[in-house]
Amino acid sequence: MDIPVRLVREGALLPCRAYDHDAAFDLFAAAAATLGPQQRAVVATGIALGLPPDMAAFTLPRSGLAARHGITIVNAPGLIDPGYRGEVQIVLLNTDLERAFEVHVGDRIAQLLFVSLTPVSLTLVDRLDETVRGQRGFGSSGGNASPAAGGRAGSTRA
């Protein structure tokens, strides 16, 4: 499937995959920014997408930036709706407590993952079907021990 991409800034780069079978495309900075310790910045990518109605895209952090520099995306994953035609921008966050991080034009700053949308409608009901999990939420699957390792789902070990 071909997705139309428009370059909206001088020096913008077309997203690309680093390896043939990568799931996501690398996104590049089209503007420089300095993120001080614990600061965030909206960084332009210089691209706009022409997503079809049955597709959306997510912007995701780059694991190398996170591991080496503590750089992440504040609203990860960032959602790009099919009707949006503006510039894709990334809200980067520097989680480092001491060092600033410099973003240069052309730096790989995020990843772009395309997802197919299934048509969905919501139906109001009085009752939902029963499941093993039921209403157990945060932490309901237990602590560090997996069921295969002798732990049990629903355990309160942390």
Protein backbone atom coordinates (compact mmCIF):
# COMPACT_ATOMS: atom_id res chain seq x y z
CA MET A 1 0.00 0.00 0.00
CA ASP A 2 1.31 3.43 -0.90
CA ILE A 3 0.74 6.29 1.55
CA PRO A 4 1.05 9.82 0.14
CA VAL A 5 3.64 11.91 2.02
CA ARG A 6 4.16 15.62 1.50
CA LEU A 7 7.34 17.41 2.59
CA VAL A 8 6.19 20.66 4.22
CA ARG A 9 9.55 22.10 5.35
CA GLU A 10 12.86 22.70 3.65
CA GLY A 11 15.28 19.93 4.58
CA ALA A 12 12.55 17.47 5.60
CA LEU A 13 13.33 13.81 4.98
CA LEU A 14 11.00 11.05 3.86
CA PRO A 15 10.45 8.48 6.63
CA CYS A 16 12.26 5.21 5.94
CA ARG A 17 12.84 1.78 7.41
CA ALA A 18 16.35 1.07 8.68
CA TYR A 19 16.00 -2.62 7.70
CA ASP A 20 13.76 -4.25 5.09
CA HIS A 21 11.47 -6.03 7.55
CA ASP A 22 11.19 -3.34 10.24
CA ALA A 23 7.62 -2.74 11.39
CA ALA A 24 7.98 1.03 11.69
CA PHE A 25 9.51 3.86 9.69
CA ASP A 26 12.08 6.23 11.21
CA LEU A 27 10.97 9.86 11.53
CA PHE A 28 13.56 12.63 11.23
CA ALA A 29 13.75 16.05 12.86
CA ALA A 30 13.13 18.90 10.43
CA ALA A 31 13.98 21.54 13.05
CA ALA A 32 16.61 21.76 15.76
CA ALA A 33 15.72 21.81 19.45
CA THR A 34 17.43 21.73 22.83
CA LEU A 35 15.79 19.74 25.59
CA GLY A 36 17.18 20.61 29.01
CA PRO A 37 16.97 18.08 31.83
CA GLN A 38 13.33 17.12 32.41
CA GLN A 39 12.16 19.41 29.57
CA ARG A 40 9.96 18.66 26.60
CA ALA A 41 9.77 20.17 23.14
CA VAL A 42 7.53 19.81 20.12
CA VAL A 43 9.82 18.84 17.25
CA ALA A 44 8.73 19.17 13.63
CA THR A 45 9.25 16.29 11.21
CA GLY A 46 8.48 18.31 8.10
CA ILE A 47 6.04 15.74 6.72
CA ALA A 48 2.28 15.48 6.29
CA LEU A 49 0.50 12.20 5.57
CA GLY A 50 -2.43 11.38 3.31
CA LEU A 51 -3.79 8.44 5.29
CA PRO A 52 -6.80 6.64 3.80
CA PRO A 53 -9.99 6.36 5.91
CA ASP A 54 -9.17 2.78 6.97
CA MET A 55 -5.70 3.56 8.35
CA ALA A 56 -4.13 5.48 11.23
CA ALA A 57 -0.54 5.85 12.37
CA PHE A 58 1.21 5.85 15.74
CA THR A 59 4.36 7.76 16.62
CA LEU A 60 6.58 5.75 18.95
CA PRO A 61 9.82 6.39 20.85
CA ARG A 62 13.14 5.10 19.54
CA SER A 63 14.65 2.55 21.91
CA GLY A 64 18.23 3.72 21.30
CA LEU A 65 17.42 7.34 22.23
CA ALA A 66 15.62 6.12 25.34
CA ALA A 67 18.44 3.80 26.44
CA ARG A 68 21.36 6.12 25.68
CA HIS A 69 19.89 9.55 26.44
CA GLY A 70 16.57 9.11 28.28
CA ILE A 71 14.62 10.62 25.37
CA THR A 72 11.01 9.50 25.00
CA ILE A 73 7.71 10.74 23.61
CA VAL A 74 5.35 12.34 26.14
CA ASN A 75 2.14 11.06 24.55
CA ALA A 76 3.43 7.72 23.30
CA PRO A 77 1.95 6.41 21.25
CA GLY A 78 0.96 9.58 19.46
CA LEU A 79 -2.07 9.00 17.26
CA ILE A 80 -2.35 10.37 13.72
CA ASP A 81 -5.97 10.14 12.59
CA PRO A 82 -6.81 9.39 8.96
CA GLY A 83 -8.34 12.82 8.35
CA TYR A 84 -5.35 14.81 9.67
CA ARG A 85 -3.35 16.53 6.94
CA GLY A 86 -1.11 18.80 9.01
CA GLU A 87 2.56 18.40 9.84
CA VAL A 88 3.50 15.42 11.99
CA GLN A 89 5.17 16.73 15.14
CA ILE A 90 6.73 14.79 18.00
CA VAL A 91 6.52 15.82 21.67
CA LEU A 92 9.93 14.71 22.93
CA LEU A 93 10.80 14.53 26.63
CA ASN A 94 14.29 14.46 28.11
CA THR A 95 14.04 12.31 31.24
CA ASP A 96 17.70 12.83 32.13
CA LEU A 97 18.08 14.71 35.42
CA GLU A 98 21.41 16.36 34.57
CA ARG A 99 22.21 16.53 30.85
CA ALA A 100 20.58 18.49 28.05
CA PHE A 101 19.89 16.79 24.72
CA GLU A 102 20.41 18.46 21.35
CA VAL A 103 18.16 17.58 18.42
CA HIS A 104 19.68 18.41 15.03
CA VAL A 105 17.93 18.58 11.70
CA GLY A 106 18.10 15.10 10.18
CA ASP A 107 18.31 13.22 13.51
CA ARG A 108 16.11 10.15 13.85
CA ILE A 109 13.71 11.14 16.63
CA ALA A 110 10.77 8.71 16.55
CA GLN A 111 9.17 5.84 14.69
CA LEU A 112 5.99 5.79 12.61
CA LEU A 113 3.83 2.66 12.70
CA PHE A 114 0.85 2.31 10.37
CA VAL A 115 -2.22 0.44 11.61
CA SER A 116 -5.29 -0.76 9.74
CA LEU A 117 -8.61 0.26 11.22
CA THR A 118 -11.50 -2.13 11.59
CA PRO A 119 -14.92 -0.47 11.43
CA VAL A 120 -16.33 -0.48 14.96
CA SER A 121 -19.63 0.61 16.44
CA LEU A 122 -20.54 0.69 20.12
CA THR A 123 -23.67 -0.98 21.46
CA LEU A 124 -25.08 0.03 24.83
CA VAL A 125 -25.88 -3.06 26.95
CA ASP A 126 -27.03 -3.65 30.51
CA ARG A 127 -24.56 -6.44 31.17
CA LEU A 128 -21.29 -7.83 29.77
CA ASP A 129 -20.37 -11.50 29.36
CA GLU A 130 -18.42 -13.12 32.21
CA THR A 131 -14.67 -13.78 31.90
CA VAL A 132 -12.05 -15.39 34.14
CA ARG A 133 -10.44 -12.00 34.76
CA GLY A 134 -13.69 -10.18 35.40
CA GLN A 135 -13.19 -6.66 36.80
CA ARG A 136 -9.67 -7.21 38.15
CA GLY A 137 -7.54 -4.37 36.76
CA PHE A 138 -4.19 -2.81 37.61
CA GLY A 139 -1.78 -5.42 38.98
CA SER A 140 -4.31 -8.23 38.67
CA SER A 141 -1.91 -10.57 36.91
CA GLY A 142 0.45 -10.60 39.88
CA GLY A 143 4.05 -9.68 40.49
CA ASN A 144 7.27 -11.07 39.07
CA ALA A 145 6.34 -14.76 39.01
CA SER A 146 4.67 -15.89 35.83
CA PRO A 147 1.99 -18.62 35.91
CA ALA A 148 4.45 -20.87 34.02
CA ALA A 149 7.08 -20.31 36.75
CA GLY A 150 4.77 -21.30 39.57
CA GLY A 151 3.16 -17.91 40.14
CA ARG A 152 -0.57 -17.58 39.75
CA ALA A 153 -2.69 -14.99 38.04
CA GLY A 154 -4.29 -12.68 40.54
CA SER A 155 -1.44 -13.12 43.02
CA THR A 156 -0.74 -10.16 45.27
CA ARG A 157 3.04 -10.64 45.23
CA ALA A 158 4.89 -7.54 44.03
